[in-house]
Amino acid sequence: MRKHVAEIVTFKLEKGVSPADFVALMQRTEGFVRAQAGFVRRQLSQGADGSWTDYVLWQDMATAQQVAQEFMQQDFTPEVIAAIAPGSAHMRHEEVFWGMAP
């Protein structure tokens, strides 16, 4: 059985970008992400220190890496990048070994 892959992107927002505006911007990416074969789940969260995490679960590593490249070519991408503080974004892909559902 193939293990899922988590795409985890952590970042901070650019000064002047409100959480509400950023969430609305990220909601514009939903159609693209949902349409990708291999999409499982996505969450966006903000920590008390202002750090954000975009957590996407994919069926496999190949899909996660391919979609990450295609994401960068979308019409909404320049606005997403402009809303993130320069130098603050870090992306990694991790194999999921265990999970728990409600």
N, C-alpha and C. Protein backbone atom coordinates (compact mmCIF):
# COMPACT_ATOMS: atom_id res chain seq x y z
N MET A 1 0.84 -1.19 0.00
CA MET A 1 0.00 0.00 0.00
C MET A 1 0.88 1.25 0.00
N ARG A 2 0.54 2.19 -0.83
CA ARG A 2 1.26 3.45 -0.94
C ARG A 2 0.94 4.36 0.23
N LYS A 3 1.93 5.04 0.75
CA LYS A 3 1.71 5.98 1.85
C LYS A 3 1.36 7.36 1.27
N HIS A 4 0.47 8.05 1.96
CA HIS A 4 0.17 9.43 1.58
C HIS A 4 1.39 10.30 1.81
N VAL A 5 1.37 11.47 1.17
CA VAL A 5 2.45 12.44 1.33
C VAL A 5 1.84 13.76 1.79
N ALA A 6 2.44 14.33 2.82
CA ALA A 6 2.02 15.64 3.32
C ALA A 6 2.91 16.71 2.72
N GLU A 7 2.28 17.72 2.14
CA GLU A 7 3.00 18.91 1.70
C GLU A 7 2.77 19.94 2.78
N ILE A 8 3.85 20.40 3.41
CA ILE A 8 3.75 21.32 4.53
C ILE A 8 4.50 22.59 4.19
N VAL A 9 3.76 23.69 4.13
CA VAL A 9 4.37 24.99 3.82
C VAL A 9 4.13 25.90 5.02
N THR A 10 5.23 26.40 5.59
CA THR A 10 5.12 27.34 6.70
C THR A 10 5.62 28.71 6.23
N PHE A 11 5.02 29.76 6.76
CA PHE A 11 5.35 31.12 6.31
C PHE A 11 4.74 32.14 7.24
N LYS A 12 5.10 33.39 7.03
CA LYS A 12 4.48 34.53 7.70
C LYS A 12 3.89 35.44 6.63
N LEU A 13 2.90 36.21 7.00
CA LEU A 13 2.28 37.12 6.05
C LEU A 13 3.08 38.41 5.94
N GLU A 14 3.01 39.01 4.78
CA GLU A 14 3.60 40.33 4.55
C GLU A 14 2.86 41.34 5.41
N LYS A 15 3.58 42.35 5.88
CA LYS A 15 2.94 43.40 6.68
C LYS A 15 1.78 44.01 5.90
N GLY A 16 0.68 44.22 6.59
CA GLY A 16 -0.49 44.83 5.97
C GLY A 16 -1.49 43.84 5.39
N VAL A 17 -1.13 42.56 5.33
CA VAL A 17 -2.07 41.54 4.83
C VAL A 17 -2.81 40.97 6.03
N SER A 18 -4.12 41.13 6.04
CA SER A 18 -4.91 40.64 7.17
C SER A 18 -5.16 39.14 7.02
N PRO A 19 -5.37 38.45 8.14
CA PRO A 19 -5.72 37.03 8.05
C PRO A 19 -6.96 36.79 7.19
N ALA A 20 -7.97 37.63 7.33
CA ALA A 20 -9.21 37.46 6.55
C ALA A 20 -8.93 37.60 5.06
N ASP A 21 -8.13 38.60 4.68
CA ASP A 21 -7.80 38.77 3.26
C ASP A 21 -6.99 37.60 2.74
N PHE A 22 -6.07 37.09 3.57
CA PHE A 22 -5.25 35.97 3.12
C PHE A 22 -6.09 34.70 2.94
N VAL A 23 -6.99 34.45 3.88
CA VAL A 23 -7.85 33.27 3.75
C VAL A 23 -8.69 33.39 2.47
N ALA A 24 -9.23 34.56 2.20
CA ALA A 24 -10.01 34.75 0.98
C ALA A 24 -9.16 34.49 -0.26
N LEU A 25 -7.92 34.94 -0.23
CA LEU A 25 -7.00 34.70 -1.34
C LEU A 25 -6.74 33.20 -1.50
N MET A 26 -6.49 32.51 -0.40
CA MET A 26 -6.22 31.08 -0.48
C MET A 26 -7.44 30.29 -0.94
N GLN A 27 -8.61 30.78 -0.62
CA GLN A 27 -9.83 30.11 -1.08
C GLN A 27 -9.93 30.14 -2.61
N ARG A 28 -9.30 31.12 -3.22
CA ARG A 28 -9.27 31.17 -4.69
C ARG A 28 -8.46 30.02 -5.28
N THR A 29 -7.59 29.40 -4.49
CA THR A 29 -6.78 28.28 -4.97
C THR A 29 -7.52 26.95 -4.87
N GLU A 30 -8.66 26.95 -4.20
CA GLU A 30 -9.37 25.71 -3.92
C GLU A 30 -9.74 24.92 -5.18
N GLY A 31 -10.27 25.59 -6.18
CA GLY A 31 -10.68 24.90 -7.40
C GLY A 31 -9.53 24.16 -8.05
N PHE A 32 -8.38 24.82 -8.12
CA PHE A 32 -7.20 24.19 -8.71
C PHE A 32 -6.78 22.96 -7.91
N VAL A 33 -6.66 23.12 -6.60
CA VAL A 33 -6.19 22.02 -5.76
C VAL A 33 -7.17 20.86 -5.78
N ARG A 34 -8.45 21.13 -5.62
CA ARG A 34 -9.47 20.06 -5.63
C ARG A 34 -9.49 19.28 -6.94
N ALA A 35 -9.19 19.94 -8.04
CA ALA A 35 -9.25 19.31 -9.36
C ALA A 35 -8.09 18.35 -9.63
N GLN A 36 -7.07 18.36 -8.77
CA GLN A 36 -5.89 17.54 -9.01
C GLN A 36 -6.14 16.10 -8.58
N ALA A 37 -5.84 15.18 -9.49
CA ALA A 37 -5.92 13.75 -9.14
C ALA A 37 -4.93 13.52 -8.01
N GLY A 38 -5.34 12.82 -7.00
CA GLY A 38 -4.45 12.54 -5.88
C GLY A 38 -4.62 13.47 -4.70
N PHE A 39 -5.49 14.47 -4.81
CA PHE A 39 -5.75 15.36 -3.68
C PHE A 39 -6.56 14.60 -2.63
N VAL A 40 -6.15 14.72 -1.35
CA VAL A 40 -6.86 14.05 -0.27
C VAL A 40 -7.50 15.06 0.68
N ARG A 41 -6.70 16.02 1.17
CA ARG A 41 -7.20 16.94 2.19
C ARG A 41 -6.29 18.16 2.27
N ARG A 42 -6.85 19.28 2.76
CA ARG A 42 -6.04 20.49 2.93
C ARG A 42 -6.52 21.27 4.14
N GLN A 43 -5.57 21.86 4.87
CA GLN A 43 -5.88 22.71 6.03
C GLN A 43 -4.95 23.90 6.01
N LEU A 44 -5.45 25.03 6.47
CA LEU A 44 -4.66 26.25 6.61
C LEU A 44 -4.83 26.72 8.05
N SER A 45 -3.72 26.92 8.74
CA SER A 45 -3.81 27.33 10.14
C SER A 45 -2.81 28.44 10.43
N GLN A 46 -3.09 29.16 11.53
CA GLN A 46 -2.19 30.22 11.98
C GLN A 46 -1.88 30.00 13.46
N GLY A 47 -0.61 30.08 13.81
CA GLY A 47 -0.18 29.93 15.19
C GLY A 47 -0.22 31.24 15.94
N ALA A 48 -0.10 31.16 17.25
CA ALA A 48 -0.13 32.34 18.11
C ALA A 48 1.01 33.30 17.79
N ASP A 49 2.11 32.79 17.22
CA ASP A 49 3.26 33.64 16.88
C ASP A 49 3.13 34.30 15.51
N GLY A 50 1.99 34.08 14.84
CA GLY A 50 1.77 34.68 13.52
C GLY A 50 2.21 33.80 12.37
N SER A 51 2.84 32.68 12.65
CA SER A 51 3.24 31.75 11.59
C SER A 51 2.02 31.02 11.05
N TRP A 52 2.04 30.78 9.75
CA TRP A 52 0.97 30.06 9.07
C TRP A 52 1.49 28.71 8.60
N THR A 53 0.58 27.74 8.47
CA THR A 53 0.90 26.44 7.91
C THR A 53 -0.19 26.05 6.92
N ASP A 54 0.23 25.75 5.71
CA ASP A 54 -0.66 25.22 4.68
C ASP A 54 -0.30 23.74 4.57
N TYR A 55 -1.22 22.87 4.96
CA TYR A 55 -0.97 21.43 5.04
C TYR A 55 -1.87 20.73 4.03
N VAL A 56 -1.26 20.09 3.03
CA VAL A 56 -2.02 19.40 1.99
C VAL A 56 -1.61 17.94 1.99
N LEU A 57 -2.59 17.05 1.97
CA LEU A 57 -2.34 15.63 1.92
C LEU A 57 -2.60 15.13 0.50
N TRP A 58 -1.60 14.45 -0.05
CA TRP A 58 -1.66 13.91 -1.41
C TRP A 58 -1.54 12.40 -1.37
N GLN A 59 -1.99 11.74 -2.44
CA GLN A 59 -1.93 10.27 -2.49
C GLN A 59 -0.51 9.75 -2.61
N ASP A 60 0.38 10.51 -3.23
CA ASP A 60 1.75 10.03 -3.40
C ASP A 60 2.71 11.19 -3.66
N MET A 61 4.00 10.90 -3.58
CA MET A 61 5.04 11.92 -3.72
C MET A 61 5.06 12.52 -5.12
N ALA A 62 4.91 11.69 -6.15
CA ALA A 62 4.94 12.20 -7.52
C ALA A 62 3.86 13.26 -7.73
N THR A 63 2.67 12.98 -7.24
CA THR A 63 1.57 13.94 -7.38
C THR A 63 1.88 15.23 -6.61
N ALA A 64 2.34 15.10 -5.38
CA ALA A 64 2.65 16.27 -4.56
C ALA A 64 3.67 17.17 -5.25
N GLN A 65 4.71 16.58 -5.79
CA GLN A 65 5.76 17.37 -6.43
C GLN A 65 5.28 17.98 -7.74
N GLN A 66 4.50 17.23 -8.51
CA GLN A 66 3.98 17.75 -9.78
C GLN A 66 3.03 18.92 -9.56
N VAL A 67 2.12 18.78 -8.61
CA VAL A 67 1.15 19.84 -8.35
C VAL A 67 1.86 21.08 -7.78
N ALA A 68 2.88 20.89 -6.96
CA ALA A 68 3.64 22.04 -6.43
C ALA A 68 4.22 22.85 -7.58
N GLN A 69 4.71 22.19 -8.62
CA GLN A 69 5.25 22.90 -9.78
C GLN A 69 4.14 23.59 -10.56
N GLU A 70 3.02 22.90 -10.76
CA GLU A 70 1.90 23.48 -11.52
C GLU A 70 1.26 24.64 -10.78
N PHE A 71 1.24 24.58 -9.44
CA PHE A 71 0.68 25.65 -8.62
C PHE A 71 1.37 26.98 -8.95
N MET A 72 2.67 26.91 -9.16
CA MET A 72 3.45 28.12 -9.42
C MET A 72 3.12 28.78 -10.77
N GLN A 73 2.41 28.08 -11.62
CA GLN A 73 2.07 28.60 -12.95
C GLN A 73 0.64 29.15 -13.03
N GLN A 74 -0.09 29.16 -11.93
CA GLN A 74 -1.49 29.56 -11.95
C GLN A 74 -1.65 31.08 -11.87
N ASP A 75 -2.80 31.57 -12.32
CA ASP A 75 -3.08 33.01 -12.33
C ASP A 75 -3.06 33.63 -10.94
N PHE A 76 -3.47 32.86 -9.93
CA PHE A 76 -3.54 33.40 -8.57
C PHE A 76 -2.17 33.44 -7.87
N THR A 77 -1.19 32.74 -8.39
CA THR A 77 0.09 32.58 -7.71
C THR A 77 0.82 33.90 -7.40
N PRO A 78 0.89 34.86 -8.32
CA PRO A 78 1.58 36.11 -7.97
C PRO A 78 0.98 36.80 -6.75
N GLU A 79 -0.34 36.77 -6.61
CA GLU A 79 -0.99 37.39 -5.44
C GLU A 79 -0.67 36.63 -4.16
N VAL A 80 -0.64 35.30 -4.24
CA VAL A 80 -0.30 34.49 -3.08
C VAL A 80 1.12 34.80 -2.63
N ILE A 81 2.04 34.81 -3.57
CA ILE A 81 3.45 35.09 -3.26
C ILE A 81 3.61 36.49 -2.67
N ALA A 82 2.89 37.47 -3.22
CA ALA A 82 2.98 38.85 -2.73
C ALA A 82 2.45 38.98 -1.30
N ALA A 83 1.56 38.09 -0.88
CA ALA A 83 0.97 38.16 0.45
C ALA A 83 1.86 37.51 1.52
N ILE A 84 2.89 36.79 1.09
CA ILE A 84 3.78 36.07 2.01
C ILE A 84 5.06 36.89 2.21
N ALA A 85 5.48 37.02 3.45
CA ALA A 85 6.70 37.78 3.76
C ALA A 85 7.91 37.15 3.06
N PRO A 86 8.68 37.95 2.36
CA PRO A 86 9.86 37.43 1.65
C PRO A 86 10.79 36.66 2.59
N GLY A 87 11.25 35.52 2.12
CA GLY A 87 12.18 34.70 2.86
C GLY A 87 11.58 33.88 3.99
N SER A 88 10.27 33.99 4.19
CA SER A 88 9.67 33.28 5.32
C SER A 88 9.08 31.92 4.95
N ALA A 89 8.89 31.65 3.67
CA ALA A 89 8.23 30.40 3.25
C ALA A 89 9.20 29.23 3.19
N HIS A 90 8.77 28.12 3.75
CA HIS A 90 9.54 26.87 3.71
C HIS A 90 8.58 25.74 3.37
N MET A 91 8.89 25.00 2.30
CA MET A 91 8.05 23.88 1.89
C MET A 91 8.82 22.58 2.03
N ARG A 92 8.09 21.56 2.48
CA ARG A 92 8.68 20.22 2.51
C ARG A 92 7.60 19.20 2.21
N HIS A 93 8.02 18.06 1.71
CA HIS A 93 7.13 16.93 1.47
C HIS A 93 7.57 15.78 2.36
N GLU A 94 6.62 15.22 3.07
CA GLU A 94 6.92 14.15 4.02
C GLU A 94 6.00 12.96 3.79
N GLU A 95 6.55 11.78 3.89
CA GLU A 95 5.76 10.57 3.80
C GLU A 95 4.98 10.40 5.12
N VAL A 96 3.70 10.14 5.02
CA VAL A 96 2.85 9.96 6.20
C VAL A 96 2.90 8.48 6.59
N PHE A 97 3.32 8.20 7.81
CA PHE A 97 3.42 6.84 8.29
C PHE A 97 2.26 6.41 9.16
N TRP A 98 1.54 7.37 9.71
CA TRP A 98 0.43 7.03 10.59
C TRP A 98 -0.52 8.21 10.68
N GLY A 99 -1.78 7.95 10.77
CA GLY A 99 -2.77 9.00 10.91
C GLY A 99 -3.92 8.52 11.77
N MET A 100 -4.70 9.46 12.23
CA MET A 100 -5.84 9.12 13.08
C MET A 100 -7.02 9.98 12.66
N ALA A 101 -8.15 9.37 12.43
CA ALA A 101 -9.35 10.10 12.04
C ALA A 101 -10.37 10.04 13.19
N PRO A 102 -11.31 10.98 13.20
CA PRO A 102 -12.31 10.97 14.29
C PRO A 102 -13.15 9.70 14.28
